[in-house]
Amino acid sequence: MGNTLILISLFRTASIAPPSKVLLGSLALTDLGVGLLAQPLYIVKSLSSDKDTKCFLGLLFDLLSGHLSITSFFTMMFISVDKFLALHLKLRYRIVVTLKRSILVVVLVRLVALPWSLSYIWFSEVYFMLILSIMPWCLLISSLAFIKIHRILRRQKRTYQNETQLESVRRANILKISRYKKSVNSMLFVFCALLIAYVPAWMVILLRTIYGNTEILKMATKLTMTLILMNSACNPILYLWRMEDLR
């Protein structure tokens, strides 16, 4: 329900750039998929008493949750890069980052996520090794983008404060920076929530690769999966709390 409202709000909001809308919409759509498909499937699988049914539903859930998780991670990375480019490119942003290119990125992310998630059936070792190797790079790129953004904003704010220009113009520029910083911080909250949900799962996969699927790690896998499912439900709350344009 929450993610549906976010999608409707994004469609109606004019203050967010169309390329950014596409990326945010893709993330909200992925979270909606978790709520409508992955969560019910996980509950039915957990309650099922038939061994074959439980095994089949478990496989479906693993494929679906894998696809959605990969999509979320890459989309979040591109959102942080989009925020950085909007600040770094300035007037060139609308030329470089277009609606068509943004849609292309979203489509490519989902196309990459599909065979990657399907590899779990036949090449599970490759599937997990890709997660272990690529996920840290996504986190690093997102983190660097947010760090660079805050550095640029601090530098611009100092520049405007020291400039000898009309007080009204200076205040307008500083206000513009403050608004953009608030927008960036909103996505930083979403990124941190993603970290809280997915980093424990990554650590469990790493430990399972080293020590095998022990009973403790089986229990840890269930707990981390609960965190991931909760993340998709919490994201709409973060959007509405932090992003005034979507209220």
C-alpha atoms as a PDB file:
ATOM      1  CA  MET A   1       0.000   0.000   0.000  1.00  0.00           C
ATOM      2  CA  GLY A   2       2.756   2.447   1.019  1.00  0.00           C
ATOM      3  CA  ASN A   3       4.812   1.847  -2.119  1.00  0.00           C
ATOM      4  CA  THR A   4       1.705   2.270  -4.295  1.00  0.00           C
ATOM      5  CA  LEU A   5       1.140   5.709  -2.738  1.00  0.00           C
ATOM      6  CA  ILE A   6       4.785   6.604  -3.386  1.00  0.00           C
ATOM      7  CA  LEU A   7       4.434   5.655  -7.066  1.00  0.00           C
ATOM      8  CA  ILE A   8       1.281   7.786  -7.385  1.00  0.00           C
ATOM      9  CA  SER A   9       2.972  10.715  -5.604  1.00  0.00           C
ATOM     10  CA  LEU A  10       6.012  10.462  -7.889  1.00  0.00           C
ATOM     11  CA  PHE A  11       3.761  10.579 -10.954  1.00  0.00           C
ATOM     12  CA  ARG A  12       2.032  13.738  -9.667  1.00  0.00           C
ATOM     13  CA  THR A  13       5.118  15.570  -8.356  1.00  0.00           C
ATOM     14  CA  ALA A  14       6.580  18.136 -10.759  1.00  0.00           C
ATOM     15  CA  SER A  15       9.512  19.305  -8.607  1.00  0.00           C
ATOM     16  CA  ILE A  16      11.546  16.090  -9.068  1.00  0.00           C
ATOM     17  CA  ALA A  17      13.505  15.746 -12.336  1.00  0.00           C
ATOM     18  CA  PRO A  18      12.054  13.050 -14.680  1.00  0.00           C
ATOM     19  CA  PRO A  19      15.255  10.902 -14.700  1.00  0.00           C
ATOM     20  CA  SER A  20      15.283  10.914 -10.887  1.00  0.00           C
ATOM     21  CA  LYS A  21      11.578  10.038 -10.887  1.00  0.00           C
ATOM     22  CA  VAL A  22      12.270   6.962 -13.007  1.00  0.00           C
ATOM     23  CA  LEU A  23      14.984   5.712 -10.636  1.00  0.00           C
ATOM     24  CA  LEU A  24      12.932   6.383  -7.498  1.00  0.00           C
ATOM     25  CA  GLY A  25       9.905   4.802  -9.158  1.00  0.00           C
ATOM     26  CA  SER A  26      11.934   1.708 -10.010  1.00  0.00           C
ATOM     27  CA  LEU A  27      13.050   1.367  -6.383  1.00  0.00           C
ATOM     28  CA  ALA A  28       9.477   1.814  -5.124  1.00  0.00           C
ATOM     29  CA  LEU A  29       8.216  -0.705  -7.708  1.00  0.00           C
ATOM     30  CA  THR A  30      10.824  -3.219  -6.514  1.00  0.00           C
ATOM     31  CA  ASP A  31       9.716  -2.685  -2.907  1.00  0.00           C
ATOM     32  CA  LEU A  32       6.117  -3.153  -4.049  1.00  0.00           C
ATOM     33  CA  GLY A  33       7.124  -6.474  -5.631  1.00  0.00           C
ATOM     34  CA  VAL A  34       8.589  -7.562  -2.306  1.00  0.00           C
ATOM     35  CA  GLY A  35       5.352  -6.674  -0.506  1.00  0.00           C
ATOM     36  CA  LEU A  36       2.957  -8.203  -3.043  1.00  0.00           C
ATOM     37  CA  LEU A  37       4.941 -11.302  -4.053  1.00  0.00           C
ATOM     38  CA  ALA A  38       8.014 -12.101  -1.945  1.00  0.00           C
ATOM     39  CA  GLN A  39       6.535 -11.575   1.526  1.00  0.00           C
ATOM     40  CA  PRO A  40       3.344 -13.646   0.936  1.00  0.00           C
ATOM     41  CA  LEU A  41       5.450 -16.380  -0.701  1.00  0.00           C
ATOM     42  CA  TYR A  42       7.790 -16.431   2.304  1.00  0.00           C
ATOM     43  CA  ILE A  43       4.860 -16.731   4.734  1.00  0.00           C
ATOM     44  CA  VAL A  44       3.164 -19.528   2.742  1.00  0.00           C
ATOM     45  CA  LYS A  45       6.488 -21.386   2.462  1.00  0.00           C
ATOM     46  CA  SER A  46       7.074 -21.085   6.216  1.00  0.00           C
ATOM     47  CA  LEU A  47       3.571 -22.360   7.052  1.00  0.00           C
ATOM     48  CA  SER A  48       3.564 -25.220   4.533  1.00  0.00           C
ATOM     49  CA  SER A  49       3.839 -28.717   6.031  1.00  0.00           C
ATOM     50  CA  ASP A  50       4.305 -30.609   2.745  1.00  0.00           C
ATOM     51  CA  LYS A  51       8.016 -31.143   2.057  1.00  0.00           C
ATOM     52  CA  ASP A  52       7.783 -30.943  -1.766  1.00  0.00           C
ATOM     53  CA  THR A  53       5.580 -27.840  -1.665  1.00  0.00           C
ATOM     54  CA  LYS A  54       7.894 -26.200   0.845  1.00  0.00           C
ATOM     55  CA  CYS A  55      10.910 -26.963  -1.360  1.00  0.00           C
ATOM     56  CA  PHE A  56       9.208 -25.604  -4.498  1.00  0.00           C
ATOM     57  CA  LEU A  57       7.995 -22.438  -2.772  1.00  0.00           C
ATOM     58  CA  GLY A  58      11.436 -21.987  -1.230  1.00  0.00           C
ATOM     59  CA  LEU A  59      13.050 -22.084  -4.670  1.00  0.00           C
ATOM     60  CA  LEU A  60      10.515 -19.590  -6.053  1.00  0.00           C
ATOM     61  CA  PHE A  61      11.112 -17.291  -3.110  1.00  0.00           C
ATOM     62  CA  ASP A  62      14.898 -17.480  -3.485  1.00  0.00           C
ATOM     63  CA  LEU A  63      14.677 -16.626  -7.198  1.00  0.00           C
ATOM     64  CA  LEU A  64      12.220 -13.769  -6.685  1.00  0.00           C
ATOM     65  CA  SER A  65      13.935 -12.281  -3.634  1.00  0.00           C
ATOM     66  CA  GLY A  66      17.304 -12.581  -5.380  1.00  0.00           C
ATOM     67  CA  HIS A  67      16.036 -10.715  -8.446  1.00  0.00           C
ATOM     68  CA  LEU A  68      14.414  -7.968  -6.361  1.00  0.00           C
ATOM     69  CA  SER A  69      17.419  -7.586  -4.048  1.00  0.00           C
ATOM     70  CA  ILE A  70      19.868  -7.264  -6.946  1.00  0.00           C
ATOM     71  CA  THR A  71      17.566  -4.714  -8.590  1.00  0.00           C
ATOM     72  CA  SER A  72      17.299  -2.694  -5.351  1.00  0.00           C
ATOM     73  CA  PHE A  73      21.049  -2.601  -4.865  1.00  0.00           C
ATOM     74  CA  PHE A  74      21.899  -1.457  -8.381  1.00  0.00           C
ATOM     75  CA  THR A  75      19.019   1.046  -8.436  1.00  0.00           C
ATOM     76  CA  MET A  76      20.161   2.594  -5.147  1.00  0.00           C
ATOM     77  CA  MET A  77      23.669   2.896  -6.565  1.00  0.00           C
ATOM     78  CA  PHE A  78      22.388   4.707  -9.672  1.00  0.00           C
ATOM     79  CA  ILE A  79      20.214   7.005  -7.523  1.00  0.00           C
ATOM     80  CA  SER A  80      23.293   8.136  -5.575  1.00  0.00           C
ATOM     81  CA  VAL A  81      25.233   8.623  -8.829  1.00  0.00           C
ATOM     82  CA  ASP A  82      22.284  10.598 -10.257  1.00  0.00           C
ATOM     83  CA  LYS A  83      22.322  12.899  -7.222  1.00  0.00           C
ATOM     84  CA  PHE A  84      26.057  13.452  -7.661  1.00  0.00           C
ATOM     85  CA  LEU A  85      25.759  14.161 -11.399  1.00  0.00           C
ATOM     86  CA  ALA A  86      22.964  16.692 -10.814  1.00  0.00           C
ATOM     87  CA  LEU A  87      25.334  18.658  -8.591  1.00  0.00           C
ATOM     88  CA  HIS A  88      28.564  18.065 -10.497  1.00  0.00           C
ATOM     89  CA  LEU A  89      27.282  18.692 -14.038  1.00  0.00           C
ATOM     90  CA  LYS A  90      25.018  21.637 -13.107  1.00  0.00           C
ATOM     91  CA  LEU A  91      23.424  22.965 -16.324  1.00  0.00           C
ATOM     92  CA  ARG A  92      24.803  20.046 -18.364  1.00  0.00           C
ATOM     93  CA  TYR A  93      22.847  17.584 -16.198  1.00  0.00           C
ATOM     94  CA  ARG A  94      19.687  17.814 -18.329  1.00  0.00           C
ATOM     95  CA  ILE A  95      21.750  17.149 -21.471  1.00  0.00           C
ATOM     96  CA  VAL A  96      23.742  14.202 -20.099  1.00  0.00           C
ATOM     97  CA  VAL A  97      21.115  12.590 -17.841  1.00  0.00           C
ATOM     98  CA  THR A  98      17.972  12.305 -19.951  1.00  0.00           C
ATOM     99  CA  LEU A  99      14.685  10.512 -19.364  1.00  0.00           C
ATOM    100  CA  LYS A 100      15.467   7.950 -22.086  1.00  0.00           C
ATOM    101  CA  ARG A 101      18.864   7.148 -20.582  1.00  0.00           C
ATOM    102  CA  SER A 102      17.343   6.809 -17.137  1.00  0.00           C
ATOM    103  CA  ILE A 103      14.724   4.363 -18.465  1.00  0.00           C
ATOM    104  CA  LEU A 104      17.486   2.459 -20.277  1.00  0.00           C
ATOM    105  CA  VAL A 105      19.443   2.122 -17.014  1.00  0.00           C
ATOM    106  CA  VAL A 106      16.363   0.785 -15.194  1.00  0.00           C
ATOM    107  CA  VAL A 107      15.666  -1.751 -17.961  1.00  0.00           C
ATOM    108  CA  LEU A 108      19.317  -2.873 -18.079  1.00  0.00           C
ATOM    109  CA  VAL A 109      19.395  -3.333 -14.293  1.00  0.00           C
ATOM    110  CA  ARG A 110      16.379  -5.638 -14.445  1.00  0.00           C
ATOM    111  CA  LEU A 111      17.799  -7.514 -17.436  1.00  0.00           C
ATOM    112  CA  VAL A 112      21.078  -8.090 -15.568  1.00  0.00           C
ATOM    113  CA  ALA A 113      19.231  -9.143 -12.403  1.00  0.00           C
ATOM    114  CA  LEU A 114      17.176 -11.783 -14.261  1.00  0.00           C
ATOM    115  CA  PRO A 115      19.951 -14.182 -15.415  1.00  0.00           C
ATOM    116  CA  TRP A 116      21.893 -13.465 -12.235  1.00  0.00           C
ATOM    117  CA  SER A 117      18.985 -14.625 -10.059  1.00  0.00           C
ATOM    118  CA  LEU A 118      18.292 -17.611 -12.357  1.00  0.00           C
ATOM    119  CA  SER A 119      21.920 -18.723 -12.011  1.00  0.00           C
ATOM    120  CA  TYR A 120      20.994 -19.730  -8.453  1.00  0.00           C
ATOM    121  CA  ILE A 121      19.303 -22.875  -9.875  1.00  0.00           C
ATOM    122  CA  TRP A 122      22.245 -24.250 -11.874  1.00  0.00           C
ATOM    123  CA  PHE A 123      25.293 -22.312 -10.670  1.00  0.00           C
ATOM    124  CA  SER A 124      24.630 -21.436  -7.029  1.00  0.00           C
ATOM    125  CA  GLU A 125      28.344 -20.983  -6.274  1.00  0.00           C
ATOM    126  CA  VAL A 126      28.659 -18.423  -9.077  1.00  0.00           C
ATOM    127  CA  TYR A 127      25.485 -16.708  -7.847  1.00  0.00           C
ATOM    128  CA  PHE A 128      26.844 -16.257  -4.319  1.00  0.00           C
ATOM    129  CA  MET A 129      30.351 -15.319  -5.484  1.00  0.00           C
ATOM    130  CA  LEU A 130      28.864 -12.539  -7.623  1.00  0.00           C
ATOM    131  CA  ILE A 131      26.974 -11.241  -4.592  1.00  0.00           C
ATOM    132  CA  LEU A 132      30.099 -11.352  -2.427  1.00  0.00           C
ATOM    133  CA  SER A 133      32.247  -9.583  -5.024  1.00  0.00           C
ATOM    134  CA  ILE A 134      29.861  -7.038  -6.603  1.00  0.00           C
ATOM    135  CA  MET A 135      27.840  -5.892  -3.572  1.00  0.00           C
ATOM    136  CA  PRO A 136      30.845  -4.172  -1.892  1.00  0.00           C
ATOM    137  CA  TRP A 137      31.540  -2.247  -5.122  1.00  0.00           C
ATOM    138  CA  CYS A 138      27.934  -1.003  -5.234  1.00  0.00           C
ATOM    139  CA  LEU A 139      28.224   0.129  -1.612  1.00  0.00           C
ATOM    140  CA  LEU A 140      31.565   1.816  -2.292  1.00  0.00           C
ATOM    141  CA  ILE A 141      30.282   3.726  -5.343  1.00  0.00           C
ATOM    142  CA  SER A 142      27.173   4.891  -3.446  1.00  0.00           C
ATOM    143  CA  SER A 143      29.226   5.922  -0.407  1.00  0.00           C
ATOM    144  CA  LEU A 144      31.744   7.857  -2.517  1.00  0.00           C
ATOM    145  CA  ALA A 145      28.904   9.617  -4.366  1.00  0.00           C
ATOM    146  CA  PHE A 146      27.318  10.793  -1.093  1.00  0.00           C
ATOM    147  CA  ILE A 147      30.705  11.882   0.318  1.00  0.00           C
ATOM    148  CA  LYS A 148      31.507  13.866  -2.850  1.00  0.00           C
ATOM    149  CA  ILE A 149      28.061  15.494  -2.781  1.00  0.00           C
ATOM    150  CA  HIS A 150      28.469  16.726   0.794  1.00  0.00           C
ATOM    151  CA  ARG A 151      31.957  18.065   0.040  1.00  0.00           C
ATOM    152  CA  ILE A 152      30.711  19.995  -3.005  1.00  0.00           C
ATOM    153  CA  LEU A 153      27.748  21.392  -1.045  1.00  0.00           C
ATOM    154  CA  ARG A 154      30.000  22.554   1.801  1.00  0.00           C
ATOM    155  CA  ARG A 155      32.359  24.234  -0.674  1.00  0.00           C
ATOM    156  CA  GLN A 156      29.500  25.940  -2.524  1.00  0.00           C
ATOM    157  CA  LYS A 157      27.943  27.176   0.716  1.00  0.00           C
ATOM    158  CA  ARG A 158      31.258  28.733   1.825  1.00  0.00           C
ATOM    159  CA  THR A 159      31.648  30.346  -1.607  1.00  0.00           C
ATOM    160  CA  TYR A 160      28.184  31.918  -1.501  1.00  0.00           C
ATOM    161  CA  GLN A 161      28.689  33.141   2.079  1.00  0.00           C
ATOM    162  CA  ASN A 162      31.954  34.874   1.154  1.00  0.00           C
ATOM    163  CA  GLU A 163      30.739  36.385  -2.118  1.00  0.00           C
ATOM    164  CA  THR A 164      30.034  40.110  -2.283  1.00  0.00           C
ATOM    165  CA  GLN A 165      26.635  40.143  -3.912  1.00  0.00           C
ATOM    166  CA  LEU A 166      23.099  41.197  -3.080  1.00  0.00           C
ATOM    167  CA  GLU A 167      21.914  39.771   0.233  1.00  0.00           C
ATOM    168  CA  SER A 168      18.723  38.438  -1.384  1.00  0.00           C
ATOM    169  CA  VAL A 169      20.703  36.593  -4.086  1.00  0.00           C
ATOM    170  CA  ARG A 170      23.106  35.132  -1.545  1.00  0.00           C
ATOM    171  CA  ARG A 171      20.261  33.927   0.666  1.00  0.00           C
ATOM    172  CA  ALA A 172      18.495  32.394  -2.333  1.00  0.00           C
ATOM    173  CA  ASN A 173      21.643  30.462  -3.296  1.00  0.00           C
ATOM    174  CA  ILE A 174      22.211  29.227   0.262  1.00  0.00           C
ATOM    175  CA  LEU A 175      18.542  28.199   0.507  1.00  0.00           C
ATOM    176  CA  LYS A 176      18.870  26.272  -2.762  1.00  0.00           C
ATOM    177  CA  ILE A 177      21.886  24.405  -1.355  1.00  0.00           C
ATOM    178  CA  SER A 178      20.005  23.624   1.872  1.00  0.00           C
ATOM    179  CA  ARG A 179      17.062  22.200  -0.062  1.00  0.00           C
ATOM    180  CA  TYR A 180      19.307  20.026  -2.209  1.00  0.00           C
ATOM    181  CA  LYS A 181      21.197  18.859   0.880  1.00  0.00           C
ATOM    182  CA  LYS A 182      17.896  17.838   2.465  1.00  0.00           C
ATOM    183  CA  SER A 183      16.987  15.886  -0.686  1.00  0.00           C
ATOM    184  CA  VAL A 184      20.376  14.123  -0.636  1.00  0.00           C
ATOM    185  CA  ASN A 185      20.061  13.359   3.075  1.00  0.00           C
ATOM    186  CA  SER A 186      16.667  11.783   2.407  1.00  0.00           C
ATOM    187  CA  MET A 187      18.251   9.304   0.001  1.00  0.00           C
ATOM    188  CA  LEU A 188      21.133   8.834   2.438  1.00  0.00           C
ATOM    189  CA  PHE A 189      18.583   7.622   5.006  1.00  0.00           C
ATOM    190  CA  VAL A 190      17.226   5.130   2.453  1.00  0.00           C
ATOM    191  CA  PHE A 191      20.792   4.024   1.666  1.00  0.00           C
ATOM    192  CA  CYS A 192      21.583   3.512   5.373  1.00  0.00           C
ATOM    193  CA  ALA A 193      18.389   1.467   5.777  1.00  0.00           C
ATOM    194  CA  LEU A 194      19.545  -0.648   2.829  1.00  0.00           C
ATOM    195  CA  LEU A 195      22.901  -1.169   4.550  1.00  0.00           C
ATOM    196  CA  ILE A 196      21.244  -2.260   7.799  1.00  0.00           C
ATOM    197  CA  ALA A 197      19.111  -4.764   5.883  1.00  0.00           C
ATOM    198  CA  TYR A 198      21.636  -6.203   3.429  1.00  0.00           C
ATOM    199  CA  VAL A 199      25.096  -6.070   5.048  1.00  0.00           C
ATOM    200  CA  PRO A 200      24.185  -8.752   7.653  1.00  0.00           C
ATOM    201  CA  ALA A 201      22.910 -10.971   4.799  1.00  0.00           C
ATOM    202  CA  TRP A 202      26.182 -10.437   2.915  1.00  0.00           C
ATOM    203  CA  MET A 203      28.162 -11.400   6.029  1.00  0.00           C
ATOM    204  CA  VAL A 204      26.090 -14.572   6.485  1.00  0.00           C
ATOM    205  CA  ILE A 205      26.704 -15.563   2.838  1.00  0.00           C
ATOM    206  CA  LEU A 206      30.435 -15.003   3.384  1.00  0.00           C
ATOM    207  CA  LEU A 207      30.427 -17.159   6.535  1.00  0.00           C
ATOM    208  CA  ARG A 208      28.425 -19.881   4.764  1.00  0.00           C
ATOM    209  CA  THR A 209      31.002 -19.887   1.963  1.00  0.00           C
ATOM    210  CA  ILE A 210      33.793 -20.387   4.512  1.00  0.00           C
ATOM    211  CA  TYR A 211      32.190 -22.684   7.109  1.00  0.00           C
ATOM    212  CA  GLY A 212      29.299 -24.286   5.223  1.00  0.00           C
ATOM    213  CA  ASN A 213      25.592 -24.108   6.016  1.00  0.00           C
ATOM    214  CA  THR A 214      25.680 -24.762   9.779  1.00  0.00           C
ATOM    215  CA  GLU A 215      22.573 -24.681  11.995  1.00  0.00           C
ATOM    216  CA  ILE A 216      23.536 -21.298  13.444  1.00  0.00           C
ATOM    217  CA  LEU A 217      24.009 -19.847   9.957  1.00  0.00           C
ATOM    218  CA  LYS A 218      20.661 -21.312   8.834  1.00  0.00           C
ATOM    219  CA  MET A 219      19.010 -19.413  11.689  1.00  0.00           C
ATOM    220  CA  ALA A 220      21.016 -16.287  10.831  1.00  0.00           C
ATOM    221  CA  THR A 221      19.859 -16.564   7.198  1.00  0.00           C
ATOM    222  CA  LYS A 222      16.212 -16.490   8.320  1.00  0.00           C
ATOM    223  CA  LEU A 223      16.845 -13.456  10.520  1.00  0.00           C
ATOM    224  CA  THR A 224      18.640 -11.539   7.771  1.00  0.00           C
ATOM    225  CA  MET A 225      15.864 -12.386   5.312  1.00  0.00           C
ATOM    226  CA  THR A 226      13.354 -10.888   7.753  1.00  0.00           C
ATOM    227  CA  LEU A 227      15.456  -7.701   7.824  1.00  0.00           C
ATOM    228  CA  ILE A 228      15.451  -7.508   4.023  1.00  0.00           C
ATOM    229  CA  LEU A 229      11.680  -7.964   3.839  1.00  0.00           C
ATOM    230  CA  MET A 230      11.177  -5.309   6.536  1.00  0.00           C
ATOM    231  CA  ASN A 231      13.367  -2.870   4.595  1.00  0.00           C
ATOM    232  CA  SER A 232      10.957  -2.805   1.659  1.00  0.00           C
ATOM    233  CA  ALA A 233       8.064  -2.098   4.023  1.00  0.00           C
ATOM    234  CA  CYS A 234       9.958   0.708   5.809  1.00  0.00           C
ATOM    235  CA  ASN A 235      11.143   2.582   2.701  1.00  0.00           C
ATOM    236  CA  PRO A 236       7.769   4.307   2.022  1.00  0.00           C
ATOM    237  CA  ILE A 237       7.810   5.621   5.613  1.00  0.00           C
ATOM    238  CA  LEU A 238      11.292   7.053   5.030  1.00  0.00           C
ATOM    239  CA  TYR A 239      10.171   8.670   1.747  1.00  0.00           C
ATOM    240  CA  LEU A 240       7.155  10.353   3.338  1.00  0.00           C
ATOM    241  CA  TRP A 241       9.096  11.393   6.434  1.00  0.00           C
ATOM    242  CA  ARG A 242      12.097  12.877   4.623  1.00  0.00           C
ATOM    243  CA  MET A 243      10.778  13.976   1.206  1.00  0.00           C
ATOM    244  CA  GLU A 244       8.284  16.845   1.449  1.00  0.00           C
ATOM    245  CA  ASP A 245       7.613  16.752  -2.315  1.00  0.00           C
ATOM    246  CA  LEU A 246       5.963  13.327  -1.981  1.00  0.00           C
ATOM    247  CA  ARG A 247       3.598  14.228   0.859  1.00  0.00           C
END
